[in-house]
Amino acid sequence: MPELGNIRKPDFIEEEFISGFETILARAQYPTWQLEITRISQSEENLLGYDGILNSLVPFYIQFKRSFFYLPQYNGELKVGRRDKSLPTERGFFGFSLLRDKKSKEFLQHNALFRLSETNSAAYVAPMFYKRERLKDFKRMDLRLPWSYQDLLVYESYVANSFPFKNTKSFKDCATVPPHKLIENHEEPSHHYTYTANGDLCFHSDPEIPEEPMSTFYDFISSIERSVAMKRRNGDTVRKLIDLLPELYGFSWGDQSFDSIVESYLSDLGLDTSWQSSFVQKRVNDLDEFSSLLLLEEMLYRDFNIVQYVAFMY
């Protein structure tokens, strides 16, 4: 690889990244996700295109990669290609190469992952870091962030504390890159995806910007959840339970006393959407599935000591 002095190679192996990825899934998962990764053998990986299946609301087929970092001083063909497409390079960028089969010299793994992505959720997942120290932070889910979000709360089980789920920065430190097309030009010795923490995805060797953008792992999983939640909204068990909530309190939707109770929970949980509607019931019905679960579990637990769908942060 040219310009090695201006390219930072990851100082951890792929298995260490996968192990860290599985660790944060085990620590941060919400029970309704039931997140776990089913691994396959290395001999199957090239033919099937992925090396793990994330069993979430819908299966997500993952091909893990490590990211190289190209310093601002790097002047190789990947930088030239990004500049040709008016993509930023002044702060450096990340990238990974696609695997070329040793026998056939073809990009079998990528093409298999692309064909899978046409009918399923399938993508590359790579860390947006290359240092082992950052991998340690990744496993610890280090939360040194200068911002906060209003989002699903994750609870620590040993202390009565919580923090917004989006602040689990580990998920935001993983680039999710969909395979955007079949590779038919096998004469090229290598093909790459390059990207920055802000996205700016580019495919090489003949530079092009894929139509489907890069996302973080968090955003990718959230988009899956939202699409599934929309399909399940009618007749959803959680929605039925929320519809029955007023009866537990001896009220009905629209009663001022019950609306005040719900409003206090929405505000306390960071789910308040009062700007959308003056009707509390409508604001509750507009919540996504996870937020509905959070509201339900909090009201049942705080007012009736019923533990239901509780999310723990171990």
C-alpha atoms as a PDB file:
ATOM      1  CA  MET A   1       0.000   0.000   0.000  1.00  0.00           C
ATOM      2  CA  PRO A   2       1.491   3.402  -0.948  1.00  0.00           C
ATOM      3  CA  GLU A   3       2.202   6.193   1.523  1.00  0.00           C
ATOM      4  CA  LEU A   4       2.368   3.865   4.523  1.00  0.00           C
ATOM      5  CA  GLY A   5       3.909   6.648   6.600  1.00  0.00           C
ATOM      6  CA  ASN A   6       0.709   8.676   6.210  1.00  0.00           C
ATOM      7  CA  ILE A   7      -1.689   5.778   6.823  1.00  0.00           C
ATOM      8  CA  ARG A   8      -2.506   4.584  10.332  1.00  0.00           C
ATOM      9  CA  LYS A   9      -3.146   0.854  10.495  1.00  0.00           C
ATOM     10  CA  PRO A  10      -5.462  -0.449  13.260  1.00  0.00           C
ATOM     11  CA  ASP A  11      -3.412  -1.835  16.135  1.00  0.00           C
ATOM     12  CA  PHE A  12      -6.061  -4.421  17.045  1.00  0.00           C
ATOM     13  CA  ILE A  13      -7.348  -7.402  15.091  1.00  0.00           C
ATOM     14  CA  GLU A  14     -10.868  -7.805  13.720  1.00  0.00           C
ATOM     15  CA  GLU A  15     -11.811 -10.407  16.341  1.00  0.00           C
ATOM     16  CA  GLU A  16     -11.049  -7.901  19.115  1.00  0.00           C
ATOM     17  CA  PHE A  17     -13.417  -5.395  17.520  1.00  0.00           C
ATOM     18  CA  ILE A  18     -16.134  -8.038  17.160  1.00  0.00           C
ATOM     19  CA  SER A  19     -15.633  -9.035  20.797  1.00  0.00           C
ATOM     20  CA  GLY A  20     -15.999  -5.397  21.866  1.00  0.00           C
ATOM     21  CA  PHE A  21     -19.075  -5.023  19.688  1.00  0.00           C
ATOM     22  CA  GLU A  22     -20.685  -8.045  21.321  1.00  0.00           C
ATOM     23  CA  THR A  23     -19.767  -6.673  24.752  1.00  0.00           C
ATOM     24  CA  ILE A  24     -21.581  -3.378  24.267  1.00  0.00           C
ATOM     25  CA  LEU A  25     -24.609  -5.176  22.814  1.00  0.00           C
ATOM     26  CA  ALA A  26     -24.795  -7.317  25.933  1.00  0.00           C
ATOM     27  CA  ARG A  27     -24.534  -4.253  28.176  1.00  0.00           C
ATOM     28  CA  ALA A  28     -26.785  -1.817  26.360  1.00  0.00           C
ATOM     29  CA  GLN A  29     -29.553  -3.848  24.844  1.00  0.00           C
ATOM     30  CA  TYR A  30     -33.168  -3.118  25.526  1.00  0.00           C
ATOM     31  CA  PRO A  31     -34.998  -6.375  26.371  1.00  0.00           C
ATOM     32  CA  THR A  32     -37.453  -6.111  23.495  1.00  0.00           C
ATOM     33  CA  TRP A  33     -34.574  -6.018  21.028  1.00  0.00           C
ATOM     34  CA  GLN A  34     -33.125  -9.359  22.173  1.00  0.00           C
ATOM     35  CA  LEU A  35     -29.847  -8.380  20.503  1.00  0.00           C
ATOM     36  CA  GLU A  36     -27.239 -11.050  20.000  1.00  0.00           C
ATOM     37  CA  ILE A  37     -24.838 -11.969  17.212  1.00  0.00           C
ATOM     38  CA  THR A  38     -24.850 -15.442  15.682  1.00  0.00           C
ATOM     39  CA  ARG A  39     -21.430 -16.142  14.180  1.00  0.00           C
ATOM     40  CA  ILE A  40     -20.549 -18.365  11.234  1.00  0.00           C
ATOM     41  CA  SER A  41     -17.294 -20.104  10.342  1.00  0.00           C
ATOM     42  CA  GLN A  42     -14.588 -18.314   8.388  1.00  0.00           C
ATOM     43  CA  SER A  43     -14.910 -20.813   5.541  1.00  0.00           C
ATOM     44  CA  GLU A  44     -18.573 -19.846   5.108  1.00  0.00           C
ATOM     45  CA  GLU A  45     -17.923 -16.115   5.407  1.00  0.00           C
ATOM     46  CA  ASN A  46     -16.603 -15.514   1.884  1.00  0.00           C
ATOM     47  CA  LEU A  47     -19.408 -17.442   0.196  1.00  0.00           C
ATOM     48  CA  LEU A  48     -22.242 -15.928   2.274  1.00  0.00           C
ATOM     49  CA  GLY A  49     -20.839 -12.396   2.443  1.00  0.00           C
ATOM     50  CA  TYR A  50     -21.220 -11.859   6.202  1.00  0.00           C
ATOM     51  CA  ASP A  51     -19.588 -13.145   9.366  1.00  0.00           C
ATOM     52  CA  GLY A  52     -22.399 -12.554  11.836  1.00  0.00           C
ATOM     53  CA  ILE A  53     -26.159 -12.128  12.091  1.00  0.00           C
ATOM     54  CA  LEU A  54     -27.533  -9.591  14.548  1.00  0.00           C
ATOM     55  CA  ASN A  55     -30.826 -11.057  15.727  1.00  0.00           C
ATOM     56  CA  SER A  56     -32.873  -7.955  16.431  1.00  0.00           C
ATOM     57  CA  LEU A  57     -36.370  -6.951  15.406  1.00  0.00           C
ATOM     58  CA  VAL A  58     -35.363  -8.183  11.973  1.00  0.00           C
ATOM     59  CA  PRO A  59     -32.131 -10.065  11.128  1.00  0.00           C
ATOM     60  CA  PHE A  60     -29.208  -7.785  10.289  1.00  0.00           C
ATOM     61  CA  TYR A  61     -26.343  -9.451   8.424  1.00  0.00           C
ATOM     62  CA  ILE A  62     -22.982  -7.936   9.328  1.00  0.00           C
ATOM     63  CA  GLN A  63     -19.587  -8.062   7.675  1.00  0.00           C
ATOM     64  CA  PHE A  64     -17.138  -6.622  10.192  1.00  0.00           C
ATOM     65  CA  LYS A  65     -14.169  -4.559   9.030  1.00  0.00           C
ATOM     66  CA  ARG A  66     -11.387  -2.565  10.615  1.00  0.00           C
ATOM     67  CA  SER A  67     -10.821   1.044   9.564  1.00  0.00           C
ATOM     68  CA  PHE A  68      -7.524   2.467   8.382  1.00  0.00           C
ATOM     69  CA  PHE A  69      -7.029   6.193   8.963  1.00  0.00           C
ATOM     70  CA  TYR A  70      -5.554   8.289   6.163  1.00  0.00           C
ATOM     71  CA  LEU A  71      -3.821  11.363   7.578  1.00  0.00           C
ATOM     72  CA  PRO A  72      -4.291  14.818   6.026  1.00  0.00           C
ATOM     73  CA  GLN A  73      -0.717  14.452   4.674  1.00  0.00           C
ATOM     74  CA  TYR A  74      -1.675  11.340   2.666  1.00  0.00           C
ATOM     75  CA  ASN A  75      -1.614  12.064  -1.073  1.00  0.00           C
ATOM     76  CA  GLY A  76      -2.437   8.679  -2.586  1.00  0.00           C
ATOM     77  CA  GLU A  77      -5.135   7.714  -5.074  1.00  0.00           C
ATOM     78  CA  LEU A  78      -7.895   7.457  -2.458  1.00  0.00           C
ATOM     79  CA  LYS A  79      -7.401  11.105  -1.543  1.00  0.00           C
ATOM     80  CA  VAL A  80      -7.327  12.076  -5.216  1.00  0.00           C
ATOM     81  CA  GLY A  81     -10.569  10.162  -5.772  1.00  0.00           C
ATOM     82  CA  ARG A  82     -12.314  11.879  -2.860  1.00  0.00           C
ATOM     83  CA  ARG A  83     -11.183  15.301  -4.089  1.00  0.00           C
ATOM     84  CA  ASP A  84     -12.515  14.489  -7.557  1.00  0.00           C
ATOM     85  CA  LYS A  85     -15.911  13.998  -5.921  1.00  0.00           C
ATOM     86  CA  SER A  86     -15.545  17.159  -3.787  1.00  0.00           C
ATOM     87  CA  LEU A  87     -15.457  15.133  -0.569  1.00  0.00           C
ATOM     88  CA  PRO A  88     -13.484  16.440   2.426  1.00  0.00           C
ATOM     89  CA  THR A  89      -9.918  15.243   3.025  1.00  0.00           C
ATOM     90  CA  GLU A  90      -8.368  18.112   5.013  1.00  0.00           C
ATOM     91  CA  ARG A  91      -8.891  16.376   8.361  1.00  0.00           C
ATOM     92  CA  GLY A  92      -8.095  12.917   7.079  1.00  0.00           C
ATOM     93  CA  PHE A  93     -10.554  10.106   6.495  1.00  0.00           C
ATOM     94  CA  PHE A  94     -11.202   6.446   7.300  1.00  0.00           C
ATOM     95  CA  GLY A  95     -11.426   3.534   4.903  1.00  0.00           C
ATOM     96  CA  PHE A  96     -11.312  -0.210   4.435  1.00  0.00           C
ATOM     97  CA  SER A  97     -10.525  -2.416   1.471  1.00  0.00           C
ATOM     98  CA  LEU A  98     -12.806  -5.149   0.173  1.00  0.00           C
ATOM     99  CA  LEU A  99     -11.659  -8.735   0.401  1.00  0.00           C
ATOM    100  CA  ARG A 100     -10.400 -10.323  -2.804  1.00  0.00           C
ATOM    101  CA  ASP A 101     -10.623 -14.101  -3.029  1.00  0.00           C
ATOM    102  CA  LYS A 102      -7.131 -15.597  -3.253  1.00  0.00           C
ATOM    103  CA  LYS A 103      -8.072 -18.302  -5.745  1.00  0.00           C
ATOM    104  CA  SER A 104     -10.573 -16.675  -8.097  1.00  0.00           C
ATOM    105  CA  LYS A 105      -9.199 -13.114  -7.644  1.00  0.00           C
ATOM    106  CA  GLU A 106     -12.819 -11.969  -7.502  1.00  0.00           C
ATOM    107  CA  PHE A 107     -14.605  -9.964  -4.801  1.00  0.00           C
ATOM    108  CA  LEU A 108     -16.887 -12.828  -3.800  1.00  0.00           C
ATOM    109  CA  GLN A 109     -17.576 -11.654  -0.256  1.00  0.00           C
ATOM    110  CA  HIS A 110     -18.739  -8.195  -1.313  1.00  0.00           C
ATOM    111  CA  ASN A 111     -20.935  -9.483  -4.130  1.00  0.00           C
ATOM    112  CA  ALA A 112     -22.548 -12.024  -1.824  1.00  0.00           C
ATOM    113  CA  LEU A 113     -23.235  -9.306   0.763  1.00  0.00           C
ATOM    114  CA  PHE A 114     -24.723  -7.062  -1.935  1.00  0.00           C
ATOM    115  CA  ARG A 115     -27.079  -9.792  -3.181  1.00  0.00           C
ATOM    116  CA  LEU A 116     -28.135 -10.428   0.410  1.00  0.00           C
ATOM    117  CA  SER A 117     -28.779  -6.703   0.954  1.00  0.00           C
ATOM    118  CA  GLU A 118     -31.281  -6.651  -1.910  1.00  0.00           C
ATOM    119  CA  THR A 119     -33.767  -8.663   0.167  1.00  0.00           C
ATOM    120  CA  ASN A 120     -32.467  -8.240   3.746  1.00  0.00           C
ATOM    121  CA  SER A 121     -30.741  -5.745   6.017  1.00  0.00           C
ATOM    122  CA  ALA A 122     -27.036  -6.296   5.377  1.00  0.00           C
ATOM    123  CA  ALA A 123     -24.014  -4.007   5.637  1.00  0.00           C
ATOM    124  CA  TYR A 124     -20.381  -3.580   6.583  1.00  0.00           C
ATOM    125  CA  VAL A 125     -19.767  -2.369  10.134  1.00  0.00           C
ATOM    126  CA  ALA A 126     -16.404  -0.769  10.900  1.00  0.00           C
ATOM    127  CA  PRO A 127     -15.097   1.294  13.829  1.00  0.00           C
ATOM    128  CA  MET A 128     -14.357   4.961  13.296  1.00  0.00           C
ATOM    129  CA  PHE A 129     -11.129   4.621  15.255  1.00  0.00           C
ATOM    130  CA  TYR A 130      -7.885   2.683  14.878  1.00  0.00           C
ATOM    131  CA  LYS A 131      -6.116   2.870  18.257  1.00  0.00           C
ATOM    132  CA  ARG A 132      -6.292   0.155  20.885  1.00  0.00           C
ATOM    133  CA  GLU A 133      -6.968   2.768  23.563  1.00  0.00           C
ATOM    134  CA  ARG A 134     -10.090   3.809  21.682  1.00  0.00           C
ATOM    135  CA  LEU A 135     -11.120   0.174  21.507  1.00  0.00           C
ATOM    136  CA  LYS A 136     -10.916   0.067  25.309  1.00  0.00           C
ATOM    137  CA  ASP A 137     -13.130   3.148  25.534  1.00  0.00           C
ATOM    138  CA  PHE A 138     -15.474   1.501  23.051  1.00  0.00           C
ATOM    139  CA  LYS A 139     -15.867  -1.563  25.287  1.00  0.00           C
ATOM    140  CA  ARG A 140     -16.406   0.619  28.353  1.00  0.00           C
ATOM    141  CA  MET A 141     -19.032   2.650  26.478  1.00  0.00           C
ATOM    142  CA  ASP A 142     -17.185   5.793  27.508  1.00  0.00           C
ATOM    143  CA  LEU A 143     -19.661   8.684  27.653  1.00  0.00           C
ATOM    144  CA  ARG A 144     -17.369  11.714  27.448  1.00  0.00           C
ATOM    145  CA  LEU A 145     -19.737  13.752  25.314  1.00  0.00           C
ATOM    146  CA  PRO A 146     -20.303  17.507  25.194  1.00  0.00           C
ATOM    147  CA  TRP A 147     -23.962  17.125  24.247  1.00  0.00           C
ATOM    148  CA  SER A 148     -27.083  15.268  25.277  1.00  0.00           C
ATOM    149  CA  TYR A 149     -30.280  14.064  23.630  1.00  0.00           C
ATOM    150  CA  GLN A 150     -33.880  13.559  24.575  1.00  0.00           C
ATOM    151  CA  ASP A 151     -34.271   9.886  23.854  1.00  0.00           C
ATOM    152  CA  LEU A 152     -34.917   6.447  25.314  1.00  0.00           C
ATOM    153  CA  LEU A 153     -33.331   6.206  28.767  1.00  0.00           C
ATOM    154  CA  VAL A 154     -31.048   3.328  29.753  1.00  0.00           C
ATOM    155  CA  TYR A 155     -30.963   2.438  33.449  1.00  0.00           C
ATOM    156  CA  GLU A 156     -28.011   1.417  35.572  1.00  0.00           C
ATOM    157  CA  SER A 157     -29.121  -1.459  37.759  1.00  0.00           C
ATOM    158  CA  TYR A 158     -26.849  -0.865  40.746  1.00  0.00           C
ATOM    159  CA  VAL A 159     -27.437   2.858  41.144  1.00  0.00           C
ATOM    160  CA  ALA A 160     -30.710   4.669  40.677  1.00  0.00           C
ATOM    161  CA  ASN A 161     -29.525   6.575  37.646  1.00  0.00           C
ATOM    162  CA  SER A 162     -30.192   6.774  33.932  1.00  0.00           C
ATOM    163  CA  PHE A 163     -28.877   8.395  30.787  1.00  0.00           C
ATOM    164  CA  PRO A 164     -30.161   8.829  27.228  1.00  0.00           C
ATOM    165  CA  PHE A 165     -29.609   5.824  24.985  1.00  0.00           C
ATOM    166  CA  LYS A 166     -28.099   7.894  22.174  1.00  0.00           C
ATOM    167  CA  ASN A 167     -25.289   8.845  24.529  1.00  0.00           C
ATOM    168  CA  THR A 168     -23.985   5.300  24.320  1.00  0.00           C
ATOM    169  CA  LYS A 169     -21.296   6.652  22.033  1.00  0.00           C
ATOM    170  CA  SER A 170     -20.041   3.192  21.152  1.00  0.00           C
ATOM    171  CA  PHE A 171     -22.933   2.716  18.755  1.00  0.00           C
ATOM    172  CA  LYS A 172     -22.202   6.087  17.160  1.00  0.00           C
ATOM    173  CA  ASP A 173     -18.541   5.135  16.722  1.00  0.00           C
ATOM    174  CA  CYS A 174     -19.410   2.386  14.247  1.00  0.00           C
ATOM    175  CA  ALA A 175     -19.813   3.180  10.559  1.00  0.00           C
ATOM    176  CA  THR A 176     -22.501   1.153   8.786  1.00  0.00           C
ATOM    177  CA  VAL A 177     -21.757   0.977   5.058  1.00  0.00           C
ATOM    178  CA  PRO A 178     -24.284  -0.753   2.789  1.00  0.00           C
ATOM    179  CA  PRO A 179     -22.776  -2.647  -0.178  1.00  0.00           C
ATOM    180  CA  HIS A 180     -24.079  -0.433  -2.975  1.00  0.00           C
ATOM    181  CA  LYS A 181     -23.470  -2.515  -6.117  1.00  0.00           C
ATOM    182  CA  LEU A 182     -21.948  -5.670  -7.570  1.00  0.00           C
ATOM    183  CA  ILE A 183     -18.246  -5.505  -8.380  1.00  0.00           C
ATOM    184  CA  GLU A 184     -17.805  -6.765 -11.927  1.00  0.00           C
ATOM    185  CA  ASN A 185     -14.378  -5.266 -12.588  1.00  0.00           C
ATOM    186  CA  HIS A 186     -12.078  -7.866 -11.079  1.00  0.00           C
ATOM    187  CA  GLU A 187      -9.049  -6.556 -12.940  1.00  0.00           C
ATOM    188  CA  GLU A 188      -8.591  -3.866 -10.292  1.00  0.00           C
ATOM    189  CA  PRO A 189      -6.290  -5.182  -7.547  1.00  0.00           C
ATOM    190  CA  SER A 190      -8.349  -3.487  -4.823  1.00  0.00           C
ATOM    191  CA  HIS A 191     -11.580  -1.675  -4.080  1.00  0.00           C
ATOM    192  CA  HIS A 192     -12.258   0.544  -1.065  1.00  0.00           C
ATOM    193  CA  TYR A 193     -14.903   2.450   0.821  1.00  0.00           C
ATOM    194  CA  THR A 194     -13.721   5.674   2.460  1.00  0.00           C
ATOM    195  CA  TYR A 195     -15.667   7.934   4.831  1.00  0.00           C
ATOM    196  CA  THR A 196     -15.442  10.442   7.649  1.00  0.00           C
ATOM    197  CA  ALA A 197     -17.206  10.625  11.003  1.00  0.00           C
ATOM    198  CA  ASN A 198     -19.714  12.938   9.279  1.00  0.00           C
ATOM    199  CA  GLY A 199     -20.442  10.420   6.539  1.00  0.00           C
ATOM    200  CA  ASP A 200     -19.026  11.609   3.180  1.00  0.00           C
ATOM    201  CA  LEU A 201     -18.958   8.062   1.812  1.00  0.00           C
ATOM    202  CA  CYS A 202     -17.013   7.284  -1.352  1.00  0.00           C
ATOM    203  CA  PHE A 203     -16.398   4.058  -3.262  1.00  0.00           C
ATOM    204  CA  HIS A 204     -13.129   3.423  -5.107  1.00  0.00           C
ATOM    205  CA  SER A 205     -11.384   2.337  -7.461  1.00  0.00           C
ATOM    206  CA  ASP A 206     -13.293   4.456  -9.985  1.00  0.00           C
ATOM    207  CA  PRO A 207     -14.531   7.049  -7.457  1.00  0.00           C
ATOM    208  CA  GLU A 208     -18.283   7.324  -7.023  1.00  0.00           C
ATOM    209  CA  ILE A 209     -20.663   8.418  -4.285  1.00  0.00           C
ATOM    210  CA  PRO A 210     -23.149   5.626  -3.404  1.00  0.00           C
ATOM    211  CA  GLU A 211     -26.825   6.619  -3.460  1.00  0.00           C
ATOM    212  CA  GLU A 212     -27.435   5.050  -0.033  1.00  0.00           C
ATOM    213  CA  PRO A 213     -25.398   7.009   2.528  1.00  0.00           C
ATOM    214  CA  MET A 214     -23.283   5.714   5.353  1.00  0.00           C
ATOM    215  CA  SER A 215     -24.873   5.848   8.808  1.00  0.00           C
ATOM    216  CA  THR A 216     -23.831   5.086  12.358  1.00  0.00           C
ATOM    217  CA  PHE A 217     -24.775   1.709  13.761  1.00  0.00           C
ATOM    218  CA  TYR A 218     -27.217   3.413  16.140  1.00  0.00           C
ATOM    219  CA  ASP A 219     -29.005   5.206  13.304  1.00  0.00           C
ATOM    220  CA  PHE A 220     -29.100   2.042  11.202  1.00  0.00           C
ATOM    221  CA  ILE A 221     -30.709  -0.023  13.963  1.00  0.00           C
ATOM    222  CA  SER A 222     -33.079   2.848  14.776  1.00  0.00           C
ATOM    223  CA  SER A 223     -34.242   2.973  11.162  1.00  0.00           C
ATOM    224  CA  ILE A 224     -34.944  -0.769  11.264  1.00  0.00           C
ATOM    225  CA  GLU A 225     -36.869  -0.347  14.507  1.00  0.00           C
ATOM    226  CA  ARG A 226     -38.925   2.507  13.108  1.00  0.00           C
ATOM    227  CA  SER A 227     -39.866   0.617   9.955  1.00  0.00           C
ATOM    228  CA  VAL A 228     -40.864  -2.468  11.915  1.00  0.00           C
ATOM    229  CA  ALA A 229     -42.720  -0.411  14.512  1.00  0.00           C
ATOM    230  CA  MET A 230     -44.817   1.216  11.801  1.00  0.00           C
ATOM    231  CA  LYS A 231     -45.819  -2.195  10.464  1.00  0.00           C
ATOM    232  CA  ARG A 232     -46.680  -3.451  13.939  1.00  0.00           C
ATOM    233  CA  ARG A 233     -48.476  -0.335  15.148  1.00  0.00           C
ATOM    234  CA  ASN A 234     -51.973  -1.704  14.506  1.00  0.00           C
ATOM    235  CA  GLY A 235     -52.954  -4.247  17.126  1.00  0.00           C
ATOM    236  CA  ASP A 236     -49.654  -3.870  18.978  1.00  0.00           C
ATOM    237  CA  THR A 237     -49.701  -5.329  22.498  1.00  0.00           C
ATOM    238  CA  VAL A 238     -47.922  -2.324  23.971  1.00  0.00           C
ATOM    239  CA  ARG A 239     -50.446   0.042  22.427  1.00  0.00           C
ATOM    240  CA  LYS A 240     -53.315  -2.000  23.881  1.00  0.00           C
ATOM    241  CA  LEU A 241     -51.733  -1.870  27.343  1.00  0.00           C
ATOM    242  CA  ILE A 242     -51.342   1.907  27.106  1.00  0.00           C
ATOM    243  CA  ASP A 243     -54.979   2.212  26.034  1.00  0.00           C
ATOM    244  CA  LEU A 244     -55.923   0.420  29.269  1.00  0.00           C
ATOM    245  CA  LEU A 245     -53.727   2.600  31.511  1.00  0.00           C
ATOM    246  CA  PRO A 246     -56.449   5.106  32.474  1.00  0.00           C
ATOM    247  CA  GLU A 247     -58.555   2.292  33.931  1.00  0.00           C
ATOM    248  CA  LEU A 248     -55.758   1.415  36.374  1.00  0.00           C
ATOM    249  CA  TYR A 249     -55.904   4.970  37.695  1.00  0.00           C
ATOM    250  CA  GLY A 250     -59.711   5.070  37.726  1.00  0.00           C
ATOM    251  CA  PHE A 251     -59.889   7.624  34.917  1.00  0.00           C
ATOM    252  CA  SER A 252     -60.312   7.725  31.159  1.00  0.00           C
ATOM    253  CA  TRP A 253     -58.388   9.517  28.422  1.00  0.00           C
ATOM    254  CA  GLY A 254     -59.315  13.183  28.426  1.00  0.00           C
ATOM    255  CA  ASP A 255     -59.806  13.437  32.200  1.00  0.00           C
ATOM    256  CA  GLN A 256     -57.716  16.365  33.381  1.00  0.00           C
ATOM    257  CA  SER A 257     -56.316  14.522  36.399  1.00  0.00           C
ATOM    258  CA  PHE A 258     -55.082  11.574  34.302  1.00  0.00           C
ATOM    259  CA  ASP A 259     -53.743  13.831  31.550  1.00  0.00           C
ATOM    260  CA  SER A 260     -51.719  15.710  34.177  1.00  0.00           C
ATOM    261  CA  ILE A 261     -50.220  12.437  35.417  1.00  0.00           C
ATOM    262  CA  VAL A 262     -49.213  11.396  31.897  1.00  0.00           C
ATOM    263  CA  GLU A 263     -47.829  14.855  31.095  1.00  0.00           C
ATOM    264  CA  SER A 264     -45.575  14.735  34.144  1.00  0.00           C
ATOM    265  CA  TYR A 265     -44.178  11.371  33.001  1.00  0.00           C
ATOM    266  CA  LEU A 266     -43.634  12.585  29.443  1.00  0.00           C
ATOM    267  CA  SER A 267     -41.734  15.595  30.747  1.00  0.00           C
ATOM    268  CA  ASP A 268     -39.723  13.597  33.283  1.00  0.00           C
ATOM    269  CA  LEU A 269     -38.691  10.988  30.690  1.00  0.00           C
ATOM    270  CA  GLY A 270     -37.755  13.539  28.051  1.00  0.00           C
ATOM    271  CA  LEU A 271     -40.611  12.398  25.814  1.00  0.00           C
ATOM    272  CA  ASP A 272     -42.652  15.596  25.964  1.00  0.00           C
ATOM    273  CA  THR A 273     -44.017  16.531  22.542  1.00  0.00           C
ATOM    274  CA  SER A 274     -46.429  19.236  23.684  1.00  0.00           C
ATOM    275  CA  TRP A 275     -45.525  21.326  20.654  1.00  0.00           C
ATOM    276  CA  GLN A 276     -47.182  18.695  18.444  1.00  0.00           C
ATOM    277  CA  SER A 277     -50.615  18.574  20.034  1.00  0.00           C
ATOM    278  CA  SER A 278     -52.556  19.864  23.012  1.00  0.00           C
ATOM    279  CA  PHE A 279     -54.203  16.430  23.354  1.00  0.00           C
ATOM    280  CA  VAL A 280     -52.217  14.167  25.671  1.00  0.00           C
ATOM    281  CA  GLN A 281     -53.637  10.957  24.197  1.00  0.00           C
ATOM    282  CA  LYS A 282     -52.511  11.947  20.699  1.00  0.00           C
ATOM    283  CA  ARG A 283     -49.018  12.766  21.961  1.00  0.00           C
ATOM    284  CA  VAL A 284     -48.812   9.332  23.568  1.00  0.00           C
ATOM    285  CA  ASN A 285     -50.119   7.594  20.450  1.00  0.00           C
ATOM    286  CA  ASP A 286     -47.455   9.355  18.364  1.00  0.00           C
ATOM    287  CA  LEU A 287     -44.615   7.887  20.442  1.00  0.00           C
ATOM    288  CA  ASP A 288     -42.444   5.260  18.775  1.00  0.00           C
ATOM    289  CA  GLU A 289     -42.519   1.707  20.104  1.00  0.00           C
ATOM    290  CA  PHE A 290     -39.515   2.040  22.418  1.00  0.00           C
ATOM    291  CA  SER A 291     -40.750   5.313  23.915  1.00  0.00           C
ATOM    292  CA  SER A 292     -44.159   3.741  24.483  1.00  0.00           C
ATOM    293  CA  LEU A 293     -42.509   0.875  26.344  1.00  0.00           C
ATOM    294  CA  LEU A 294     -40.535   3.317  28.450  1.00  0.00           C
ATOM    295  CA  LEU A 295     -43.639   5.292  29.401  1.00  0.00           C
ATOM    296  CA  LEU A 296     -45.545   2.100  30.198  1.00  0.00           C
ATOM    297  CA  GLU A 297     -42.800   0.578  32.340  1.00  0.00           C
ATOM    298  CA  GLU A 298     -42.283   3.787  34.341  1.00  0.00           C
ATOM    299  CA  MET A 299     -45.947   4.322  35.125  1.00  0.00           C
ATOM    300  CA  LEU A 300     -46.471   0.697  36.133  1.00  0.00           C
ATOM    301  CA  TYR A 301     -43.341   0.620  38.258  1.00  0.00           C
ATOM    302  CA  ARG A 302     -43.583   3.960  40.036  1.00  0.00           C
ATOM    303  CA  ASP A 303     -47.312   3.948  40.745  1.00  0.00           C
ATOM    304  CA  PHE A 304     -48.083   0.214  41.058  1.00  0.00           C
ATOM    305  CA  ASN A 305     -44.678  -1.394  41.772  1.00  0.00           C
ATOM    306  CA  ILE A 306     -45.107  -3.610  38.690  1.00  0.00           C
ATOM    307  CA  VAL A 307     -41.820  -4.368  36.901  1.00  0.00           C
ATOM    308  CA  GLN A 308     -42.539  -4.575  33.166  1.00  0.00           C
ATOM    309  CA  TYR A 309     -40.074  -4.366  30.232  1.00  0.00           C
ATOM    310  CA  VAL A 310     -37.444  -2.728  32.429  1.00  0.00           C
ATOM    311  CA  ALA A 311     -34.209  -1.766  30.638  1.00  0.00           C
ATOM    312  CA  PHE A 312     -31.009  -2.288  32.616  1.00  0.00           C
ATOM    313  CA  MET A 313     -27.515  -0.954  32.089  1.00  0.00           C
ATOM    314  CA  TYR A 314     -25.145  -3.453  33.707  1.00  0.00           C
END
